[in-house]
Amino acid sequence: MSLRDKLIVNKDSLPEDFTLSSGTDDFELILFYRPRYDNFYFDLYDANGEPLIKGEKLVYGMSLWNINDARLPTETIIPMDESGIETDVSWDNFQESVFLYYDDLDPSLTDPDYSDNSDDENDDLTDEDDSDDSLIEDEPQDDNNPYALPNGGESL
């Protein structure tokens, strides 16, 4: 089971088109395949049928539209393999292990360097109230944890 939502494509019936809803706007996404180079491509149109992106190659790990344009959908869709094994998009792995995933996970789940800075009191390792020889941040004054080890961590 995947962590992200994904766009399911029947690669045997390409070119295939999808309607993507983004906020109040609808977009048409058309996927197609060129066997000569073993590459997948897409076109993106707005609700009026005006082309926004034409003939863009699917690149593993890169957003389908990675440009700053207010006319594009706000959702990010990325061809990737959640297991991290694959490194490219090909006929053999597309819709087998590589899927078009919506990048809709909480960043704290995917980026180990992510910090939401919501804990203003505990945002560094050595606060002013900590002693100089301690790397433990904001030690509690009284620990009421019934599951903590007694006597400073010594086992019974």
N, C-alpha and C. Protein backbone atom coordinates (compact mmCIF):
# COMPACT_ATOMS: atom_id res chain seq x y z
N MET A 1 0.85 -1.18 0.00
CA MET A 1 0.00 0.00 0.00
C MET A 1 0.89 1.24 0.00
N SER A 2 0.55 2.17 -0.86
CA SER A 2 1.38 3.37 -0.97
C SER A 2 1.00 4.42 0.07
N LEU A 3 1.95 5.26 0.39
CA LEU A 3 1.73 6.34 1.35
C LEU A 3 1.02 7.53 0.71
N ARG A 4 1.28 7.75 -0.57
CA ARG A 4 0.72 8.89 -1.28
C ARG A 4 -0.44 8.43 -2.18
N ASP A 5 -1.28 9.39 -2.54
CA ASP A 5 -2.30 9.13 -3.54
C ASP A 5 -1.61 9.07 -4.89
N LYS A 6 -2.14 8.24 -5.80
CA LYS A 6 -1.51 8.13 -7.11
C LYS A 6 -2.54 8.17 -8.21
N LEU A 7 -2.07 8.55 -9.37
CA LEU A 7 -2.88 8.60 -10.57
C LEU A 7 -2.70 7.27 -11.29
N ILE A 8 -3.77 6.51 -11.41
CA ILE A 8 -3.68 5.19 -12.05
C ILE A 8 -3.83 5.36 -13.56
N VAL A 9 -2.88 4.78 -14.29
CA VAL A 9 -2.83 4.89 -15.74
C VAL A 9 -2.85 3.49 -16.33
N ASN A 10 -3.64 3.30 -17.38
CA ASN A 10 -3.60 2.05 -18.13
C ASN A 10 -2.63 2.28 -19.29
N LYS A 11 -1.39 1.87 -19.11
CA LYS A 11 -0.37 2.17 -20.11
C LYS A 11 -0.63 1.46 -21.43
N ASP A 12 -1.43 0.40 -21.42
CA ASP A 12 -1.74 -0.32 -22.66
C ASP A 12 -2.73 0.44 -23.53
N SER A 13 -3.38 1.46 -22.98
CA SER A 13 -4.35 2.22 -23.76
C SER A 13 -3.89 3.67 -24.01
N LEU A 14 -2.57 3.89 -23.97
CA LEU A 14 -2.05 5.24 -24.22
C LEU A 14 -2.18 5.59 -25.69
N PRO A 15 -2.42 6.83 -26.05
CA PRO A 15 -2.52 7.98 -25.16
C PRO A 15 -3.83 7.95 -24.35
N GLU A 16 -3.71 8.37 -23.11
CA GLU A 16 -4.85 8.41 -22.21
C GLU A 16 -4.95 9.80 -21.62
N ASP A 17 -6.19 10.28 -21.50
CA ASP A 17 -6.34 11.61 -20.93
C ASP A 17 -7.14 11.56 -19.64
N PHE A 18 -6.82 12.51 -18.76
CA PHE A 18 -7.42 12.59 -17.43
C PHE A 18 -7.88 14.02 -17.20
N THR A 19 -8.90 14.16 -16.40
CA THR A 19 -9.30 15.47 -15.93
C THR A 19 -8.78 15.63 -14.51
N LEU A 20 -7.96 16.63 -14.31
CA LEU A 20 -7.42 16.93 -12.99
C LEU A 20 -8.15 18.14 -12.44
N SER A 21 -8.68 18.03 -11.25
CA SER A 21 -9.31 19.17 -10.59
C SER A 21 -8.32 19.74 -9.59
N SER A 22 -8.13 21.03 -9.67
CA SER A 22 -7.22 21.72 -8.77
C SER A 22 -7.93 22.98 -8.29
N GLY A 23 -8.37 22.95 -7.05
CA GLY A 23 -9.16 24.07 -6.53
C GLY A 23 -10.47 24.13 -7.28
N THR A 24 -10.72 25.25 -7.92
CA THR A 24 -11.95 25.40 -8.71
C THR A 24 -11.70 25.20 -10.19
N ASP A 25 -10.47 24.90 -10.58
CA ASP A 25 -10.11 24.75 -11.99
C ASP A 25 -9.98 23.28 -12.37
N ASP A 26 -10.31 22.99 -13.61
CA ASP A 26 -10.12 21.67 -14.18
C ASP A 26 -9.06 21.75 -15.27
N PHE A 27 -8.25 20.71 -15.36
CA PHE A 27 -7.20 20.63 -16.36
C PHE A 27 -7.30 19.29 -17.06
N GLU A 28 -6.84 19.24 -18.30
CA GLU A 28 -6.78 17.98 -19.02
C GLU A 28 -5.31 17.58 -19.15
N LEU A 29 -5.01 16.38 -18.69
CA LEU A 29 -3.66 15.82 -18.76
C LEU A 29 -3.70 14.65 -19.72
N ILE A 30 -2.88 14.68 -20.75
CA ILE A 30 -2.81 13.58 -21.72
C ILE A 30 -1.43 12.96 -21.63
N LEU A 31 -1.40 11.65 -21.36
CA LEU A 31 -0.15 10.91 -21.29
C LEU A 31 0.01 10.09 -22.57
N PHE A 32 1.23 10.05 -23.09
CA PHE A 32 1.50 9.21 -24.24
C PHE A 32 2.91 8.63 -24.13
N TYR A 33 3.17 7.63 -24.96
CA TYR A 33 4.42 6.87 -24.88
C TYR A 33 5.08 6.85 -26.25
N ARG A 34 6.41 7.00 -26.28
CA ARG A 34 7.17 6.88 -27.52
C ARG A 34 8.13 5.70 -27.37
N PRO A 35 7.78 4.57 -27.98
CA PRO A 35 8.57 3.35 -27.80
C PRO A 35 10.00 3.46 -28.31
N ARG A 36 10.23 4.29 -29.33
CA ARG A 36 11.58 4.39 -29.89
C ARG A 36 12.60 4.77 -28.82
N TYR A 37 12.19 5.65 -27.90
CA TYR A 37 13.10 6.10 -26.85
C TYR A 37 12.72 5.57 -25.48
N ASP A 38 11.64 4.78 -25.40
CA ASP A 38 11.14 4.23 -24.14
C ASP A 38 10.89 5.34 -23.13
N ASN A 39 10.18 6.39 -23.59
CA ASN A 39 9.88 7.52 -22.73
C ASN A 39 8.39 7.83 -22.74
N PHE A 40 7.91 8.34 -21.63
CA PHE A 40 6.54 8.81 -21.50
C PHE A 40 6.56 10.33 -21.53
N TYR A 41 5.52 10.90 -22.11
CA TYR A 41 5.39 12.34 -22.24
C TYR A 41 3.98 12.74 -21.84
N PHE A 42 3.79 14.05 -21.60
CA PHE A 42 2.45 14.52 -21.29
C PHE A 42 2.21 15.90 -21.89
N ASP A 43 0.93 16.17 -22.12
CA ASP A 43 0.45 17.49 -22.48
C ASP A 43 -0.51 17.92 -21.38
N LEU A 44 -0.55 19.20 -21.10
CA LEU A 44 -1.46 19.74 -20.10
C LEU A 44 -2.22 20.90 -20.72
N TYR A 45 -3.56 20.87 -20.57
CA TYR A 45 -4.42 21.91 -21.12
C TYR A 45 -5.28 22.49 -20.01
N ASP A 46 -5.62 23.76 -20.15
CA ASP A 46 -6.53 24.36 -19.17
C ASP A 46 -7.97 23.98 -19.51
N ALA A 47 -8.93 24.49 -18.74
CA ALA A 47 -10.34 24.13 -18.91
C ALA A 47 -10.89 24.58 -20.25
N ASN A 48 -10.27 25.56 -20.89
CA ASN A 48 -10.72 26.04 -22.19
C ASN A 48 -10.03 25.33 -23.35
N GLY A 49 -9.21 24.35 -23.05
CA GLY A 49 -8.50 23.61 -24.09
C GLY A 49 -7.23 24.28 -24.58
N GLU A 50 -6.81 25.34 -23.89
CA GLU A 50 -5.58 26.02 -24.26
C GLU A 50 -4.39 25.24 -23.73
N PRO A 51 -3.38 24.99 -24.56
CA PRO A 51 -2.21 24.23 -24.09
C PRO A 51 -1.38 25.04 -23.10
N LEU A 52 -1.03 24.39 -22.00
CA LEU A 52 -0.14 24.99 -21.00
C LEU A 52 1.25 24.37 -21.08
N ILE A 53 1.30 23.06 -21.30
CA ILE A 53 2.56 22.33 -21.46
C ILE A 53 2.34 21.30 -22.55
N LYS A 54 3.27 21.21 -23.50
CA LYS A 54 3.15 20.25 -24.60
C LYS A 54 4.42 19.42 -24.71
N GLY A 55 4.23 18.09 -24.79
CA GLY A 55 5.34 17.20 -25.06
C GLY A 55 6.41 17.14 -24.00
N GLU A 56 6.02 17.30 -22.74
CA GLU A 56 7.00 17.28 -21.65
C GLU A 56 7.28 15.83 -21.24
N LYS A 57 8.54 15.48 -21.13
CA LYS A 57 8.96 14.13 -20.76
C LYS A 57 8.75 13.90 -19.26
N LEU A 58 8.27 12.70 -18.91
CA LEU A 58 8.22 12.30 -17.50
C LEU A 58 9.63 11.97 -17.06
N VAL A 59 10.11 12.66 -16.04
CA VAL A 59 11.45 12.44 -15.51
C VAL A 59 11.29 11.94 -14.09
N TYR A 60 11.92 10.82 -13.80
CA TYR A 60 11.80 10.20 -12.48
C TYR A 60 12.18 11.21 -11.38
N GLY A 61 11.31 11.33 -10.38
CA GLY A 61 11.59 12.17 -9.22
C GLY A 61 11.38 13.66 -9.43
N MET A 62 10.97 14.07 -10.64
CA MET A 62 10.76 15.49 -10.93
C MET A 62 9.27 15.76 -11.12
N SER A 63 8.82 16.87 -10.57
CA SER A 63 7.43 17.27 -10.71
C SER A 63 7.06 17.42 -12.19
N LEU A 64 5.83 17.07 -12.52
CA LEU A 64 5.40 17.19 -13.91
C LEU A 64 5.41 18.64 -14.39
N TRP A 65 5.08 19.55 -13.55
CA TRP A 65 5.20 20.98 -13.88
C TRP A 65 5.97 21.63 -12.76
N ASN A 66 7.20 21.95 -13.05
CA ASN A 66 8.10 22.49 -12.04
C ASN A 66 8.48 23.93 -12.39
N ILE A 67 7.46 24.70 -12.80
CA ILE A 67 7.69 26.10 -13.14
C ILE A 67 6.68 26.95 -12.39
N ASN A 68 7.01 28.19 -12.19
CA ASN A 68 6.15 29.11 -11.48
C ASN A 68 5.21 29.78 -12.48
N ASP A 69 4.00 29.26 -12.58
CA ASP A 69 3.00 29.80 -13.50
C ASP A 69 1.64 29.64 -12.83
N ALA A 70 0.96 30.74 -12.58
CA ALA A 70 -0.31 30.72 -11.86
C ALA A 70 -1.39 29.95 -12.61
N ARG A 71 -1.22 29.71 -13.90
CA ARG A 71 -2.22 28.96 -14.67
C ARG A 71 -2.14 27.45 -14.44
N LEU A 72 -1.05 26.97 -13.85
CA LEU A 72 -0.85 25.53 -13.66
C LEU A 72 -1.55 25.04 -12.40
N PRO A 73 -1.83 23.73 -12.33
CA PRO A 73 -2.44 23.18 -11.11
C PRO A 73 -1.54 23.39 -9.89
N THR A 74 -2.18 23.51 -8.74
CA THR A 74 -1.40 23.69 -7.50
C THR A 74 -0.88 22.37 -6.97
N GLU A 75 -1.51 21.26 -7.35
CA GLU A 75 -1.04 19.95 -6.91
C GLU A 75 0.26 19.61 -7.61
N THR A 76 1.11 18.89 -6.89
CA THR A 76 2.37 18.42 -7.45
C THR A 76 2.25 16.93 -7.70
N ILE A 77 2.56 16.51 -8.93
CA ILE A 77 2.53 15.09 -9.30
C ILE A 77 3.94 14.71 -9.72
N ILE A 78 4.44 13.62 -9.12
CA ILE A 78 5.83 13.21 -9.34
C ILE A 78 5.87 11.73 -9.73
N PRO A 79 6.54 11.38 -10.84
CA PRO A 79 6.76 9.97 -11.15
C PRO A 79 7.87 9.42 -10.24
N MET A 80 7.50 8.41 -9.46
CA MET A 80 8.49 7.87 -8.52
C MET A 80 8.11 6.48 -8.06
N ASP A 81 9.05 5.83 -7.43
CA ASP A 81 8.89 4.52 -6.82
C ASP A 81 9.05 4.73 -5.32
N GLU A 82 7.98 4.53 -4.55
CA GLU A 82 8.06 4.79 -3.12
C GLU A 82 9.07 3.89 -2.40
N SER A 83 9.39 2.75 -2.99
CA SER A 83 10.39 1.88 -2.35
C SER A 83 11.81 2.40 -2.57
N GLY A 84 11.99 3.31 -3.54
CA GLY A 84 13.30 3.89 -3.79
C GLY A 84 14.22 3.02 -4.61
N ILE A 85 13.72 1.96 -5.21
CA ILE A 85 14.56 1.06 -5.99
C ILE A 85 14.81 1.59 -7.40
N GLU A 86 13.77 2.06 -8.06
CA GLU A 86 13.89 2.52 -9.45
C GLU A 86 14.55 3.90 -9.51
N THR A 87 15.13 4.21 -10.66
CA THR A 87 15.77 5.51 -10.86
C THR A 87 15.32 6.19 -12.14
N ASP A 88 14.48 5.52 -12.93
CA ASP A 88 13.99 6.12 -14.16
C ASP A 88 12.57 5.64 -14.44
N VAL A 89 11.95 6.21 -15.46
CA VAL A 89 10.61 5.82 -15.88
C VAL A 89 10.74 5.09 -17.20
N SER A 90 10.27 3.86 -17.27
CA SER A 90 10.34 3.08 -18.50
C SER A 90 9.06 2.26 -18.65
N TRP A 91 8.90 1.66 -19.80
CA TRP A 91 7.72 0.83 -20.04
C TRP A 91 7.66 -0.33 -19.04
N ASP A 92 8.80 -0.89 -18.71
CA ASP A 92 8.85 -2.05 -17.82
C ASP A 92 8.45 -1.73 -16.38
N ASN A 93 8.74 -0.50 -15.91
CA ASN A 93 8.44 -0.21 -14.51
C ASN A 93 7.25 0.72 -14.30
N PHE A 94 6.80 1.41 -15.35
CA PHE A 94 5.69 2.35 -15.20
C PHE A 94 4.40 1.59 -14.89
N GLN A 95 3.75 1.98 -13.81
CA GLN A 95 2.54 1.36 -13.29
C GLN A 95 2.79 -0.04 -12.72
N GLU A 96 4.06 -0.39 -12.57
CA GLU A 96 4.45 -1.62 -11.86
C GLU A 96 5.08 -1.23 -10.52
N SER A 97 6.13 -0.44 -10.58
CA SER A 97 6.76 0.08 -9.37
C SER A 97 6.86 1.61 -9.39
N VAL A 98 6.85 2.20 -10.58
CA VAL A 98 6.87 3.65 -10.71
C VAL A 98 5.46 4.12 -11.05
N PHE A 99 4.96 5.05 -10.24
CA PHE A 99 3.62 5.58 -10.42
C PHE A 99 3.67 7.10 -10.43
N LEU A 100 2.59 7.71 -10.86
CA LEU A 100 2.44 9.16 -10.78
C LEU A 100 1.79 9.47 -9.44
N TYR A 101 2.61 9.89 -8.48
CA TYR A 101 2.14 10.15 -7.13
C TYR A 101 1.85 11.63 -6.93
N TYR A 102 0.77 11.91 -6.23
CA TYR A 102 0.51 13.26 -5.75
C TYR A 102 1.44 13.49 -4.56
N ASP A 103 2.16 14.57 -4.58
CA ASP A 103 3.08 14.88 -3.48
C ASP A 103 2.27 15.53 -2.37
N ASP A 104 1.53 14.68 -1.63
CA ASP A 104 0.58 15.19 -0.64
C ASP A 104 0.88 14.72 0.78
N LEU A 105 2.09 14.24 1.02
CA LEU A 105 2.46 13.83 2.37
C LEU A 105 2.93 15.02 3.19
N ASP A 106 2.73 14.92 4.49
CA ASP A 106 3.25 15.91 5.42
C ASP A 106 4.78 15.90 5.29
N PRO A 107 5.41 17.07 5.09
CA PRO A 107 6.87 17.10 4.91
C PRO A 107 7.64 16.47 6.06
N SER A 108 7.08 16.47 7.26
CA SER A 108 7.81 15.88 8.38
C SER A 108 7.96 14.36 8.21
N LEU A 109 7.13 13.74 7.36
CA LEU A 109 7.23 12.31 7.11
C LEU A 109 8.28 11.96 6.07
N THR A 110 8.59 12.89 5.19
CA THR A 110 9.48 12.59 4.08
C THR A 110 10.82 13.29 4.13
N ASP A 111 10.94 14.37 4.91
CA ASP A 111 12.17 15.14 4.95
C ASP A 111 12.74 15.14 6.36
N PRO A 112 13.83 14.42 6.60
CA PRO A 112 14.38 14.37 7.96
C PRO A 112 14.90 15.72 8.44
N ASP A 113 15.16 16.65 7.54
CA ASP A 113 15.65 17.96 7.92
C ASP A 113 14.52 18.96 8.14
N TYR A 114 13.27 18.52 7.96
CA TYR A 114 12.12 19.41 8.07
C TYR A 114 11.90 19.81 9.53
N SER A 115 11.65 21.08 9.74
CA SER A 115 11.31 21.58 11.07
C SER A 115 10.18 22.58 10.89
N ASP A 116 9.08 22.36 11.60
CA ASP A 116 7.95 23.28 11.45
C ASP A 116 8.04 24.48 12.38
N ASN A 117 9.05 24.49 13.26
CA ASN A 117 9.29 25.60 14.19
C ASN A 117 8.09 25.94 15.04
N SER A 118 7.22 24.97 15.30
CA SER A 118 6.06 25.23 16.13
C SER A 118 6.39 25.15 17.61
N ASP A 119 7.55 24.60 17.95
CA ASP A 119 7.96 24.45 19.34
C ASP A 119 9.03 25.50 19.63
N ASP A 120 8.58 26.74 19.81
CA ASP A 120 9.52 27.84 19.99
C ASP A 120 10.39 27.69 21.23
N GLU A 121 9.89 27.02 22.27
CA GLU A 121 10.67 26.87 23.49
C GLU A 121 11.74 25.79 23.36
N ASN A 122 11.60 24.89 22.41
CA ASN A 122 12.51 23.75 22.31
C ASN A 122 13.14 23.67 20.93
N ASP A 123 13.59 24.77 20.37
CA ASP A 123 14.07 24.73 19.01
C ASP A 123 15.60 24.67 18.89
N ASP A 124 16.30 24.42 19.97
CA ASP A 124 17.73 24.16 19.87
C ASP A 124 18.14 23.18 20.96
N LEU A 125 19.36 22.68 20.89
CA LEU A 125 19.80 21.67 21.84
C LEU A 125 20.32 22.24 23.14
N THR A 126 20.82 23.43 23.13
CA THR A 126 21.36 24.02 24.35
C THR A 126 20.69 25.36 24.60
N ASP A 127 19.53 25.33 25.23
CA ASP A 127 18.83 26.56 25.59
C ASP A 127 19.58 27.24 26.73
N GLU A 128 19.25 28.50 26.96
CA GLU A 128 19.91 29.27 28.00
C GLU A 128 19.68 28.67 29.38
N ASP A 129 18.56 27.98 29.57
CA ASP A 129 18.27 27.42 30.88
C ASP A 129 18.91 26.06 31.11
N ASP A 130 19.59 25.52 30.12
CA ASP A 130 20.29 24.25 30.28
C ASP A 130 21.69 24.50 30.81
N SER A 131 22.22 23.51 31.51
CA SER A 131 23.60 23.64 31.98
C SER A 131 24.55 23.44 30.80
N ASP A 132 25.77 23.92 30.92
CA ASP A 132 26.71 23.86 29.82
C ASP A 132 27.11 22.45 29.44
N ASP A 133 27.08 21.52 30.40
CA ASP A 133 27.52 20.15 30.11
C ASP A 133 26.37 19.25 29.68
N SER A 134 25.20 19.81 29.45
CA SER A 134 24.05 19.00 29.09
C SER A 134 23.66 19.23 27.63
N LEU A 135 23.40 18.16 26.93
CA LEU A 135 22.85 18.27 25.58
C LEU A 135 21.37 17.97 25.56
N ILE A 136 20.80 17.69 26.71
CA ILE A 136 19.37 17.43 26.79
C ILE A 136 18.66 18.75 26.91
N GLU A 137 17.70 18.95 26.06
CA GLU A 137 17.02 20.23 25.99
C GLU A 137 15.90 20.31 27.00
N ASP A 138 15.85 21.41 27.72
CA ASP A 138 14.76 21.71 28.63
C ASP A 138 14.39 20.52 29.51
N GLU A 139 15.34 20.11 30.37
CA GLU A 139 15.09 18.99 31.26
C GLU A 139 13.88 19.29 32.13
N PRO A 140 13.01 18.31 32.33
CA PRO A 140 11.84 18.55 33.17
C PRO A 140 12.26 18.70 34.63
N GLN A 141 11.54 19.54 35.37
CA GLN A 141 11.84 19.74 36.79
C GLN A 141 11.45 18.53 37.61
N ASP A 142 10.32 17.92 37.27
CA ASP A 142 9.91 16.69 37.96
C ASP A 142 9.34 15.75 36.92
N ASP A 143 9.85 14.55 36.89
CA ASP A 143 9.46 13.57 35.89
C ASP A 143 8.43 12.63 36.51
N ASN A 144 7.19 12.76 36.08
CA ASN A 144 6.11 11.92 36.59
C ASN A 144 5.83 10.75 35.67
N ASN A 145 6.77 10.35 34.87
CA ASN A 145 6.57 9.25 33.95
C ASN A 145 6.69 7.92 34.69
N PRO A 146 5.58 7.17 34.82
CA PRO A 146 5.64 5.90 35.55
C PRO A 146 6.45 4.82 34.82
N TYR A 147 6.76 5.05 33.54
CA TYR A 147 7.48 4.04 32.76
C TYR A 147 8.97 4.35 32.66
N ALA A 148 9.40 5.46 33.23
CA ALA A 148 10.81 5.81 33.18
C ALA A 148 11.61 4.91 34.12
N LEU A 149 12.86 4.69 33.75
CA LEU A 149 13.74 3.89 34.59
C LEU A 149 14.10 4.67 35.83
N PRO A 150 14.13 4.03 36.99
CA PRO A 150 14.48 4.74 38.24
C PRO A 150 15.96 5.05 38.32
N ASN A 151 16.33 5.97 39.16
CA ASN A 151 17.72 6.30 39.48
C ASN A 151 18.54 6.71 38.25
N GLY A 152 18.01 7.59 37.46
CA GLY A 152 18.78 8.11 36.34
C GLY A 152 19.03 7.12 35.22
N GLY A 153 18.17 6.15 35.05
CA GLY A 153 18.29 5.25 33.92
C GLY A 153 18.90 3.90 34.22
N GLU A 154 19.25 3.63 35.47
CA GLU A 154 19.82 2.34 35.81
C GLU A 154 18.72 1.28 35.78
N SER A 155 18.99 0.16 35.17
CA SER A 155 17.97 -0.90 35.13
C SER A 155 17.90 -1.60 36.49
N LEU A 156 16.77 -2.22 36.73
CA LEU A 156 16.54 -2.89 38.03
C LEU A 156 17.29 -4.19 38.12
